[in-house]
């Protein structure tokens, strides 16, 4: 396979191939004569080397005769022309020598075209290819057609999946046809991690994947840099701006998501309380265990006040049936008036900005988001001016909502793309990365794919969260690495055990 591919890669040579079927009867007669001649020469040979060469010639011809008679195979005349070009004579000579060496390594014979045949040689390799009979008489050699068709002369190592799409080329110029949904013994899920410095092509490669997957998959993107808006508009997707301005959408963190956890066997309310604990932990890292306990009690009273208990079918509730952050704030205020506590005062001061204050446009309201297109982009670009905790909390909030969408229908292919995922990671709040790790592990059960894009894996390898970070990276079947240097490159080499050795195509 690919036995002439190296010449294309190294010398840029132009090849022309002429294969001409022959009359089997005539060919067998010629081979019979060749066997007789070689047998006679072998008997009278004085040197052992010459004797073995003639015996090998007899064996080769006999094998061809056997395959032609027993397998009804066809023998053809094969002629391969190689045209070497260069800007300077020195370069041309060097390329010609390399062509000779490579062909000789394959134990093939190569003959240069003499001056009086140069015109015919040029015509043979020209784009308008014409058969040059004067050349074929000199250079044609017989070959079994099956041998020619079974060994692709210029084929390089490739990576080809059934029902895939053109994704890239490998280091040798071979194409990569990629199907992210293919499963086999070492491709156990459809998750992907994409790592590379800013401007290295991460988002472009993922956009290429989006474009090809869109007809058959539902795709959700968390976009913190307004990287995908243009693509979304041109592919008739929905852009959901979640940046906290008056005109943008709200994803109510107090609305319970319908999400049955198969592993922990917890109902929707219990799962949502776990989500809220992490959500508020991201927002308010200074809260103590006592203060979290009080907040949990207030939340329980809040949901009870709205008639939401363990016996209620959450899937039957409308968005407007759930409490908002201002409801939580006013309930907490009422409790503090009845039973003053310093912990209540602290909780009120922390909640006020997001419930009734300057940041209330981010979360205080009913969820007004509908997923009704194949491509949905959650744009948080306008949150760049907010404090880091708010950005991280919104990222986590959207991710939780997206997972609810992905886990609803096991028969539908769904992809969640988390771009600039380092925004989510906080060494002091390992639960966020643990959550991302967990949904990446469960995605396979729901026929879903989690694609994590980040500029550096250093954020995932902090000692406080390394357990979840390494697990997330290792659990992704596909790893795409783009331009990086310094510590980022060293981290990738160490984490994934990369070497300088060039091997066969991998993604």
Protein backbone atom coordinates (compact mmCIF):
# COMPACT_ATOMS: atom_id res chain seq x y z
CA UNK A 1 0.00 0.00 0.00
CA UNK A 2 1.25 3.42 -0.90
CA UNK A 3 4.58 2.16 -2.25
CA UNK A 4 5.18 5.27 -4.34
CA UNK A 5 3.57 7.77 -1.96
CA UNK A 6 6.89 8.85 -0.46
CA UNK A 7 8.09 10.16 -3.83
CA UNK A 8 5.10 12.46 -4.06
CA UNK A 9 5.69 13.76 -0.54
CA UNK A 10 9.46 14.28 -0.87
CA UNK A 11 9.98 15.24 -4.49
CA UNK A 12 6.60 16.42 -5.75
CA UNK A 13 7.00 14.18 -8.79
CA UNK A 14 4.27 13.77 -11.38
CA UNK A 15 3.23 10.20 -12.18
CA UNK A 16 1.44 8.78 -15.19
CA UNK A 17 0.27 5.18 -15.29
CA UNK A 18 -0.71 3.17 -18.34
CA UNK A 19 -2.20 -0.30 -17.87
CA UNK A 20 -3.12 -2.28 -20.97
CA UNK A 21 -4.93 -5.67 -20.77
CA UNK A 22 -3.40 -8.48 -22.84
CA UNK A 23 -4.49 -11.72 -24.49
CA UNK A 24 -4.07 -14.43 -21.84
CA UNK A 25 -3.35 -17.13 -24.40
CA UNK A 26 -0.51 -15.15 -25.92
CA UNK A 27 0.80 -14.22 -22.48
CA UNK A 28 0.85 -17.86 -21.31
CA UNK A 29 2.82 -18.84 -24.42
CA UNK A 30 5.36 -16.09 -23.67
CA UNK A 31 5.61 -17.20 -20.04
CA UNK A 32 6.08 -20.84 -21.12
CA UNK A 33 8.98 -19.75 -23.30
CA UNK A 34 10.39 -17.72 -20.42
CA UNK A 35 10.21 -20.75 -18.12
CA UNK A 36 11.97 -22.95 -20.66
CA UNK A 37 14.75 -20.42 -21.24
CA UNK A 38 15.30 -19.76 -17.55
CA UNK A 39 15.30 -23.47 -16.74
CA UNK A 40 17.95 -24.15 -19.41
CA UNK A 41 20.12 -21.23 -18.23
CA UNK A 42 19.82 -22.43 -14.64
CA UNK A 43 21.16 -25.88 -15.53
CA UNK A 44 24.27 -24.54 -17.26
CA UNK A 45 24.93 -21.68 -14.80
CA UNK A 46 28.42 -21.83 -13.30
CA UNK A 47 27.72 -19.39 -10.44
CA UNK A 48 25.27 -20.17 -7.64
CA UNK A 49 23.96 -16.58 -7.66
CA UNK A 50 23.05 -16.79 -11.36
CA UNK A 51 21.47 -20.21 -10.82
CA UNK A 52 19.26 -18.89 -8.01
CA UNK A 53 18.23 -15.87 -10.06
CA UNK A 54 17.08 -18.12 -12.91
CA UNK A 55 15.25 -20.43 -10.52
CA UNK A 56 13.48 -17.43 -9.01
CA UNK A 57 12.50 -16.31 -12.50
CA UNK A 58 11.05 -19.76 -13.19
CA UNK A 59 9.08 -19.72 -9.94
CA UNK A 60 7.70 -16.25 -10.61
CA UNK A 61 6.57 -17.13 -14.13
CA UNK A 62 5.09 -20.45 -12.95
CA UNK A 63 3.11 -18.67 -10.23
CA UNK A 64 1.68 -16.23 -12.77
CA UNK A 65 0.68 -19.08 -15.08
CA UNK A 66 -0.97 -20.89 -12.16
CA UNK A 67 -3.01 -17.83 -11.13
CA UNK A 68 -4.04 -17.16 -14.72
CA UNK A 69 -5.24 -20.74 -15.27
CA UNK A 70 -6.64 -21.59 -11.81
CA UNK A 71 -8.04 -18.21 -10.81
CA UNK A 72 -8.82 -16.90 -14.28
CA UNK A 73 -6.78 -13.78 -13.55
CA UNK A 74 -5.89 -11.27 -16.23
CA UNK A 75 -2.36 -10.10 -16.95
CA UNK A 76 -1.82 -6.56 -18.17
CA UNK A 77 1.10 -4.54 -19.40
CA UNK A 78 1.99 -1.80 -16.92
CA UNK A 79 4.02 1.32 -17.62
CA UNK A 80 4.72 3.97 -14.96
CA UNK A 81 6.21 7.32 -15.98
CA UNK A 82 7.79 9.65 -13.43
CA UNK A 83 8.35 13.30 -14.24
CA UNK A 84 10.70 15.17 -11.88
CA UNK A 85 10.79 18.97 -11.94
CA UNK A 86 12.78 21.64 -10.10
CA UNK A 87 13.74 25.31 -10.29
CA UNK A 88 17.48 24.67 -10.61
CA UNK A 89 19.63 21.95 -12.13
CA UNK A 90 21.24 21.05 -8.80
CA UNK A 91 17.86 20.55 -7.18
CA UNK A 92 16.68 18.54 -10.19
CA UNK A 93 19.65 16.18 -9.99
CA UNK A 94 19.12 15.69 -6.28
CA UNK A 95 15.46 14.83 -6.79
CA UNK A 96 16.29 12.42 -9.60
CA UNK A 97 18.78 10.61 -7.39
CA UNK A 98 16.19 10.36 -4.63
CA UNK A 99 13.67 8.89 -7.07
CA UNK A 100 16.24 6.31 -8.17
CA UNK A 101 17.08 5.37 -4.57
CA UNK A 102 13.45 4.94 -3.55
CA UNK A 103 12.59 2.85 -6.59
CA UNK A 104 15.66 0.66 -6.10
CA UNK A 105 14.72 0.13 -2.43
CA UNK A 106 11.52 -1.43 -3.75
CA UNK A 107 13.64 -3.76 -5.90
CA UNK A 108 12.24 -2.25 -9.06
CA UNK A 109 14.07 -1.15 -12.17
CA UNK A 110 14.04 2.42 -13.39
CA UNK A 111 15.26 3.65 -16.76
CA UNK A 112 15.71 7.28 -17.81
CA UNK A 113 14.07 8.41 -21.05
CA UNK A 114 16.67 9.00 -23.75
CA UNK A 115 16.86 12.29 -25.62
CA UNK A 116 15.02 11.14 -28.74
CA UNK A 117 12.05 10.01 -26.58
CA UNK A 118 11.78 13.15 -24.42
CA UNK A 119 8.89 14.59 -26.44
CA UNK A 120 6.93 11.37 -26.06
CA UNK A 121 7.80 11.29 -22.36
CA UNK A 122 6.43 14.79 -21.86
CA UNK A 123 3.20 13.88 -23.64
CA UNK A 124 2.84 10.78 -21.46
CA UNK A 125 2.82 12.81 -18.22
CA UNK A 126 0.97 15.88 -19.55
CA UNK A 127 -2.56 16.61 -18.22
CA UNK A 128 -4.07 15.69 -21.59
CA UNK A 129 -2.43 12.22 -21.31
CA UNK A 130 -2.07 10.25 -24.52
CA UNK A 131 -0.68 6.75 -24.91
CA UNK A 132 2.79 6.87 -26.45
CA UNK A 133 3.28 3.56 -28.22
CA UNK A 134 6.97 4.17 -28.83
CA UNK A 135 7.48 4.41 -25.05
CA UNK A 136 5.36 1.43 -24.06
CA UNK A 137 7.35 -0.83 -26.39
CA UNK A 138 10.49 0.02 -24.42
CA UNK A 139 9.18 0.20 -20.87
CA UNK A 140 6.04 -1.94 -20.46
CA UNK A 141 6.14 -4.85 -18.02
CA UNK A 142 3.50 -7.51 -17.39
CA UNK A 143 1.63 -7.60 -14.08
CA UNK A 144 -1.38 -9.44 -12.74
CA UNK A 145 -4.26 -6.98 -12.65
CA UNK A 146 -5.16 -8.08 -9.11
CA UNK A 147 -1.66 -7.16 -7.94
CA UNK A 148 -2.02 -3.68 -9.38
CA UNK A 149 -5.52 -2.98 -8.06
CA UNK A 150 -4.77 -4.49 -4.64
CA UNK A 151 -1.83 -2.22 -3.93
CA UNK A 152 -2.57 1.48 -4.24
CA UNK A 153 0.60 3.06 -5.53
CA UNK A 154 0.17 6.48 -4.00
CA UNK A 155 -2.04 5.71 -1.05
CA UNK A 156 -0.71 7.07 2.26
CA UNK A 157 -1.82 6.09 5.73
CA UNK A 158 -5.44 7.14 6.13
CA UNK A 159 -8.10 7.19 8.80
CA UNK A 160 -11.45 6.34 7.23
CA UNK A 161 -14.71 5.80 9.10
CA UNK A 162 -17.86 4.59 7.44
CA UNK A 163 -20.50 7.33 7.23
CA UNK A 164 -17.91 9.90 8.22
CA UNK A 165 -16.97 13.24 6.70
CA UNK A 166 -13.71 14.77 5.52
CA UNK A 167 -12.08 16.18 8.64
CA UNK A 168 -8.36 16.69 7.98
CA UNK A 169 -5.20 15.25 6.46
CA UNK A 170 -2.49 13.43 8.37
CA UNK A 171 1.23 14.16 8.47
CA UNK A 172 1.79 12.18 5.27
CA UNK A 173 -1.01 13.82 3.31
CA UNK A 174 -3.48 10.97 3.83
CA UNK A 175 -7.10 11.96 4.32
CA UNK A 176 -9.00 11.56 7.59
CA UNK A 177 -12.67 10.64 7.18
CA UNK A 178 -14.11 10.99 10.65
CA UNK A 179 -17.29 9.72 12.31
CA UNK A 180 -17.46 10.93 15.90
CA UNK A 181 -20.25 8.42 16.66
CA UNK A 182 -18.30 5.32 15.67
CA UNK A 183 -17.74 2.90 18.55
CA UNK A 184 -15.27 0.05 18.77
CA UNK A 185 -12.96 -1.55 21.31
CA UNK A 186 -10.85 1.59 21.85
CA UNK A 187 -13.39 4.25 20.86
CA UNK A 188 -15.85 3.90 23.70
CA UNK A 189 -17.50 7.32 23.60
CA UNK A 190 -17.91 10.38 21.38
CA UNK A 191 -16.32 12.93 23.72
CA UNK A 192 -13.54 15.24 22.57
CA UNK A 193 -11.06 17.62 24.17
CA UNK A 194 -9.55 20.40 22.05
CA UNK A 195 -6.45 22.21 23.35
CA UNK A 196 -4.41 25.02 21.80
CA UNK A 197 -3.30 28.60 22.23
CA UNK A 198 -5.47 31.53 21.18
CA UNK A 199 -5.80 31.80 17.40
CA UNK A 200 -4.39 28.34 16.72
CA UNK A 201 -7.51 27.03 14.97
CA UNK A 202 -9.47 25.32 17.74
CA UNK A 203 -12.80 26.98 17.04
CA UNK A 204 -12.36 26.67 13.27
CA UNK A 205 -11.93 22.90 13.47
CA UNK A 206 -14.95 22.59 15.75
CA UNK A 207 -17.02 24.73 13.37
CA UNK A 208 -16.10 22.33 10.60
CA UNK A 209 -17.39 19.49 12.77
CA UNK A 210 -20.58 21.43 13.55
CA UNK A 211 -21.29 22.06 9.89
CA UNK A 212 -21.00 18.35 9.04
CA UNK A 213 -22.86 17.04 12.10
CA UNK A 214 -25.75 19.51 12.01
CA UNK A 215 -28.01 17.57 9.61
CA UNK A 216 -28.09 14.56 11.94
CA UNK A 217 -27.40 15.95 15.42
CA UNK A 218 -28.75 18.54 17.84
CA UNK A 219 -25.90 20.83 18.87
CA UNK A 220 -25.71 23.14 21.91
CA UNK A 221 -22.80 25.57 22.29
CA UNK A 222 -21.73 27.61 25.31
CA UNK A 223 -20.05 30.60 23.71
CA UNK A 224 -18.33 33.05 26.04
CA UNK A 225 -16.43 34.94 23.32
CA UNK A 226 -19.12 35.49 20.67
CA UNK A 227 -17.21 33.08 18.46
CA UNK A 228 -20.16 31.22 16.94
CA UNK A 229 -22.85 33.87 16.36
CA UNK A 230 -22.01 34.34 12.69
CA UNK A 231 -22.02 30.57 12.10
CA UNK A 232 -25.31 30.19 13.98
CA UNK A 233 -27.07 32.85 11.92
CA UNK A 234 -25.88 31.40 8.63
CA UNK A 235 -26.92 27.87 9.62
CA UNK A 236 -30.36 29.05 10.78
CA UNK A 237 -29.57 28.32 14.41
CA UNK A 238 -30.85 30.13 17.49
CA UNK A 239 -28.66 32.63 19.35
CA UNK A 240 -29.61 32.89 23.03
CA UNK A 241 -27.91 35.85 24.68
CA UNK A 242 -27.43 35.16 28.38
CA UNK A 243 -25.25 38.13 29.24
CA UNK A 244 -27.40 39.89 31.81
CA UNK A 245 -28.70 42.94 29.93
CA UNK A 246 -32.34 44.04 30.03
CA UNK A 247 -33.12 42.67 26.58
CA UNK A 248 -31.47 39.27 26.98
CA UNK A 249 -32.75 35.86 27.98
CA UNK A 250 -33.00 34.46 31.49
CA UNK A 251 -32.27 30.93 32.61
CA UNK A 252 -33.82 30.73 36.08
CA UNK A 253 -31.47 28.77 38.36
CA UNK A 254 -34.38 28.06 40.76
CA UNK A 255 -36.35 26.21 38.09
CA UNK A 256 -35.98 22.51 38.74
CA UNK A 257 -34.65 20.57 35.77
CA UNK A 258 -36.31 17.31 34.83
CA UNK A 259 -33.34 15.02 35.00
CA UNK A 260 -33.48 11.49 36.36
CA UNK A 261 -30.02 10.41 37.50
CA UNK A 262 -29.68 6.73 36.69
CA UNK A 263 -26.54 6.24 38.75
CA UNK A 264 -27.57 7.86 42.02
CA UNK A 265 -31.31 7.12 41.75
CA UNK A 266 -32.17 10.61 42.98
CA UNK A 267 -35.31 12.50 42.05
CA UNK A 268 -35.37 15.86 40.32
CA UNK A 269 -35.69 17.97 43.49
CA UNK A 270 -32.81 16.24 45.27
CA UNK A 271 -30.62 16.62 42.18
CA UNK A 272 -31.54 20.26 41.84
CA UNK A 273 -30.59 20.99 45.43
CA UNK A 274 -27.16 19.56 44.63
CA UNK A 275 -27.00 21.90 41.64
CA UNK A 276 -28.06 24.91 43.75
CA UNK A 277 -25.47 24.14 46.41
CA UNK A 278 -22.70 24.30 43.78
CA UNK A 279 -24.30 27.29 42.04
CA UNK A 280 -24.30 29.36 45.22
CA UNK A 281 -20.89 28.05 46.20
CA UNK A 282 -19.52 29.47 42.95
CA UNK A 283 -21.28 32.77 43.53
CA UNK A 284 -20.46 33.09 47.22
CA UNK A 285 -17.26 31.20 48.06
CA UNK A 286 -17.12 32.85 51.50
CA UNK A 287 -20.21 31.02 52.79
CA UNK A 288 -19.63 28.68 55.72
CA UNK A 289 -21.22 25.29 56.28
CA UNK A 290 -23.65 26.82 58.81
CA UNK A 291 -24.69 29.50 56.35
CA UNK A 292 -25.19 26.90 53.61
CA UNK A 293 -27.36 24.86 55.97
CA UNK A 294 -29.54 27.88 56.67
CA UNK A 295 -29.79 28.62 52.96
CA UNK A 296 -30.89 25.03 52.29
CA UNK A 297 -33.64 25.35 54.90
CA UNK A 298 -34.88 28.58 53.36
CA UNK A 299 -34.90 26.98 49.92
CA UNK A 300 -36.93 24.05 51.23
CA UNK A 301 -39.49 26.46 52.67
CA UNK A 302 -39.51 28.42 49.41
CA UNK A 303 -40.36 25.41 47.25
CA UNK A 304 -42.97 24.24 49.75
CA UNK A 305 -44.53 27.71 49.64
CA UNK A 306 -44.84 27.34 45.85
CA UNK A 307 -46.41 23.89 46.26
CA UNK A 308 -43.35 22.04 44.92
CA UNK A 309 -42.73 18.88 46.96
CA UNK A 310 -41.39 15.37 46.39
CA UNK A 311 -44.84 14.18 45.28
CA UNK A 312 -45.21 16.76 42.50
CA UNK A 313 -44.57 15.77 38.87
CA UNK A 314 -42.03 18.43 37.91
CA UNK A 315 -42.49 17.74 34.20
CA UNK A 316 -46.08 19.02 34.41
CA UNK A 317 -45.10 22.44 35.81
CA UNK A 318 -44.76 25.56 33.67
CA UNK A 319 -41.81 27.94 33.84
CA UNK A 320 -43.95 30.45 35.74
CA UNK A 321 -44.74 27.89 38.48
CA UNK A 322 -41.24 28.10 39.90
CA UNK A 323 -39.89 30.72 42.32
CA UNK A 324 -37.46 33.45 41.27
CA UNK A 325 -34.43 34.80 43.09
CA UNK A 326 -36.39 37.78 44.35
CA UNK A 327 -38.84 35.35 45.97
CA UNK A 328 -35.91 33.75 47.77
CA UNK A 329 -34.61 37.16 48.83
CA UNK A 330 -37.97 38.37 50.23
CA UNK A 331 -38.61 35.09 52.05
CA UNK A 332 -35.17 35.34 53.63
CA UNK A 333 -35.92 38.95 54.56
CA UNK A 334 -39.18 37.89 56.25
CA UNK A 335 -37.41 35.18 58.22
CA UNK A 336 -34.79 37.64 59.38
CA UNK A 337 -37.47 40.04 60.64
CA UNK A 338 -39.08 37.26 62.67
CA UNK A 339 -35.85 35.65 63.89
CA UNK A 340 -32.84 37.89 63.40
CA UNK A 341 -29.60 36.07 62.59
CA UNK A 342 -26.24 37.38 61.46
CA UNK A 343 -26.14 34.56 58.93
CA UNK A 344 -29.42 35.84 57.42
CA UNK A 345 -27.95 39.31 57.14
CA UNK A 346 -24.91 37.99 55.30
CA UNK A 347 -27.06 35.92 52.94
CA UNK A 348 -29.27 38.94 52.21
CA UNK A 349 -26.28 41.14 51.41
CA UNK A 350 -24.91 38.53 49.02
CA UNK A 351 -28.23 37.77 47.36
CA UNK A 352 -29.39 41.36 46.94
CA UNK A 353 -27.33 42.22 43.79
CA UNK A 354 -28.56 39.16 41.86
CA UNK A 355 -32.14 39.23 43.22
CA UNK A 356 -33.16 42.90 43.14
CA UNK A 357 -29.92 44.76 42.49
CA UNK A 358 -27.70 45.67 39.56
CA UNK A 359 -27.05 42.05 38.50
CA UNK A 360 -30.68 40.89 38.81
CA UNK A 361 -31.10 40.88 35.01
CA UNK A 362 -28.87 37.82 34.80
CA UNK A 363 -30.98 35.33 36.79
CA UNK A 364 -34.02 36.98 38.39
CA UNK A 365 -36.95 36.00 36.21
CA UNK A 366 -38.71 33.07 34.61
CA UNK A 367 -36.87 30.94 32.10
CA UNK A 368 -37.74 32.23 28.63
CA UNK A 369 -35.60 29.87 26.57
CA UNK A 370 -36.94 27.34 24.07
CA UNK A 371 -34.77 24.82 22.24
CA UNK A 372 -36.52 24.39 18.89
CA UNK A 373 -33.66 24.35 16.35
CA UNK A 374 -30.87 21.92 15.49
CA UNK A 375 -28.25 24.46 16.55
CA UNK A 376 -28.51 26.54 19.72
CA UNK A 377 -25.81 28.95 20.92
CA UNK A 378 -25.76 30.32 24.46
CA UNK A 379 -23.85 33.58 24.15
CA UNK A 380 -22.41 35.04 27.37
CA UNK A 381 -20.12 37.61 25.77
CA UNK A 382 -21.85 40.51 27.55
CA UNK A 383 -20.92 39.04 30.94
CA UNK A 384 -17.26 39.89 30.51
CA UNK A 385 -17.71 43.01 32.62
CA UNK A 386 -19.19 41.06 35.54
CA UNK A 387 -17.10 39.59 38.32
CA UNK A 388 -15.52 36.19 37.76
CA UNK A 389 -17.90 34.35 40.08
CA UNK A 390 -20.90 35.51 38.06
CA UNK A 391 -19.39 34.31 34.81
CA UNK A 392 -18.53 30.94 36.28
CA UNK A 393 -21.96 30.54 37.83
CA UNK A 394 -23.71 31.36 34.55
CA UNK A 395 -21.48 28.93 32.67
CA UNK A 396 -22.37 26.22 35.18
CA UNK A 397 -26.06 27.17 35.01
CA UNK A 398 -26.14 26.86 31.23
CA UNK A 399 -24.22 23.60 31.31
CA UNK A 400 -26.72 22.08 33.74
CA UNK A 401 -29.62 23.20 31.54
CA UNK A 402 -27.91 21.85 28.42
CA UNK A 403 -27.38 18.47 30.06
CA UNK A 404 -31.11 18.31 30.77
CA UNK A 405 -31.69 18.71 27.02
CA UNK A 406 -29.06 16.15 26.08
CA UNK A 407 -30.30 13.50 28.50
CA UNK A 408 -33.96 13.62 27.45
CA UNK A 409 -33.92 11.47 24.32
CA UNK A 410 -31.56 8.51 24.04
CA UNK A 411 -32.48 8.00 20.39
CA UNK A 412 -31.31 11.46 19.35
CA UNK A 413 -27.70 12.41 18.73
CA UNK A 414 -26.78 15.46 20.80
CA UNK A 415 -23.54 17.43 21.14
CA UNK A 416 -22.63 19.90 23.89
CA UNK A 417 -19.69 22.14 23.03
CA UNK A 418 -18.14 23.99 25.98
CA UNK A 419 -15.82 26.61 24.49
CA UNK A 420 -13.27 28.44 26.67
CA UNK A 421 -14.01 25.83 29.31
CA UNK A 422 -11.26 27.10 31.60
CA UNK A 423 -13.76 29.80 32.68
CA UNK A 424 -15.70 27.10 34.49
CA UNK A 425 -12.74 25.67 36.36
CA UNK A 426 -12.01 26.87 39.90
CA UNK A 427 -9.56 24.94 42.11
CA UNK A 428 -11.49 26.09 45.18
CA UNK A 429 -14.77 24.69 43.86
CA UNK A 430 -13.98 21.19 42.58
CA UNK A 431 -17.69 20.36 42.25
CA UNK A 432 -17.94 22.22 38.93
CA UNK A 433 -15.23 20.14 37.27
CA UNK A 434 -16.60 17.03 38.96
CA UNK A 435 -19.99 17.78 37.38
CA UNK A 436 -18.43 18.19 33.94
CA UNK A 437 -16.49 14.96 34.43
CA UNK A 438 -19.66 13.14 35.46
CA UNK A 439 -21.76 14.21 32.48
CA UNK A 440 -18.89 13.33 30.15
CA UNK A 441 -18.94 9.80 31.61
CA UNK A 442 -22.71 9.51 31.25
CA UNK A 443 -22.96 11.06 27.77
CA UNK A 444 -22.43 7.71 26.07
CA UNK A 445 -25.61 6.29 27.67
CA UNK A 446 -27.66 9.11 26.19
CA UNK A 447 -26.07 8.97 22.71
CA UNK A 448 -24.47 12.34 23.39
CA UNK A 449 -21.05 13.93 22.93
CA UNK A 450 -19.29 16.44 25.21
CA UNK A 451 -16.66 18.58 23.47
CA UNK A 452 -14.42 20.62 25.79
CA UNK A 453 -12.34 23.43 24.27
CA UNK A 454 -9.64 25.17 26.29
CA UNK A 455 -6.46 27.16 25.78
CA UNK A 456 -4.52 25.31 28.43
CA UNK A 457 -4.93 22.09 30.38
CA UNK A 458 -2.95 23.60 33.25
CA UNK A 459 -6.23 24.78 34.77
CA UNK A 460 -7.45 21.19 34.89
CA UNK A 461 -4.30 19.87 36.57
CA UNK A 462 -4.26 21.95 39.76
CA UNK A 463 -3.65 19.62 42.70
CA UNK A 464 -7.05 20.49 44.22
CA UNK A 465 -8.98 19.34 41.15
CA UNK A 466 -6.47 17.11 39.38
CA UNK A 467 -8.51 13.99 40.15
CA UNK A 468 -11.45 15.29 38.11
CA UNK A 469 -9.40 17.15 35.50
CA UNK A 470 -7.30 14.18 34.49
CA UNK A 471 -10.34 11.93 34.48
CA UNK A 472 -12.21 14.33 32.19
CA UNK A 473 -9.28 14.52 29.76
CA UNK A 474 -8.63 10.80 29.81
CA UNK A 475 -12.32 9.97 29.35
CA UNK A 476 -12.42 11.80 26.02
CA UNK A 477 -11.82 9.39 23.15
CA UNK A 478 -10.65 12.16 20.83
CA UNK A 479 -7.90 14.69 21.62
CA UNK A 480 -7.12 17.52 19.23
CA UNK A 481 -3.92 19.48 19.91
CA UNK A 482 -3.14 22.78 18.24
CA UNK A 483 -0.22 25.16 18.42
CA UNK A 484 1.18 25.65 21.92
CA UNK A 485 4.53 26.07 23.62
CA UNK A 486 6.19 26.44 27.00
CA UNK A 487 4.46 24.93 30.01
CA UNK A 488 1.27 24.26 28.06
CA UNK A 489 3.16 22.00 25.66
CA UNK A 490 4.98 20.24 28.49
CA UNK A 491 1.68 19.61 30.29
CA UNK A 492 0.12 18.07 27.19
CA UNK A 493 3.16 15.87 26.49
CA UNK A 494 3.22 14.61 30.08
CA UNK A 495 -0.53 14.17 30.51
CA UNK A 496 -1.11 12.27 27.28
CA UNK A 497 2.27 10.53 27.02
CA UNK A 498 3.14 12.04 23.65
CA UNK A 499 6.47 11.35 21.93
CA UNK A 500 8.30 12.64 18.86
CA UNK A 501 7.87 9.34 17.06
CA UNK A 502 5.81 9.57 13.90
CA UNK A 503 3.32 6.80 13.68
CA UNK A 504 0.17 5.94 11.82
CA UNK A 505 -2.75 8.33 11.58
CA UNK A 506 -4.53 9.13 14.81
CA UNK A 507 -7.05 11.75 15.80
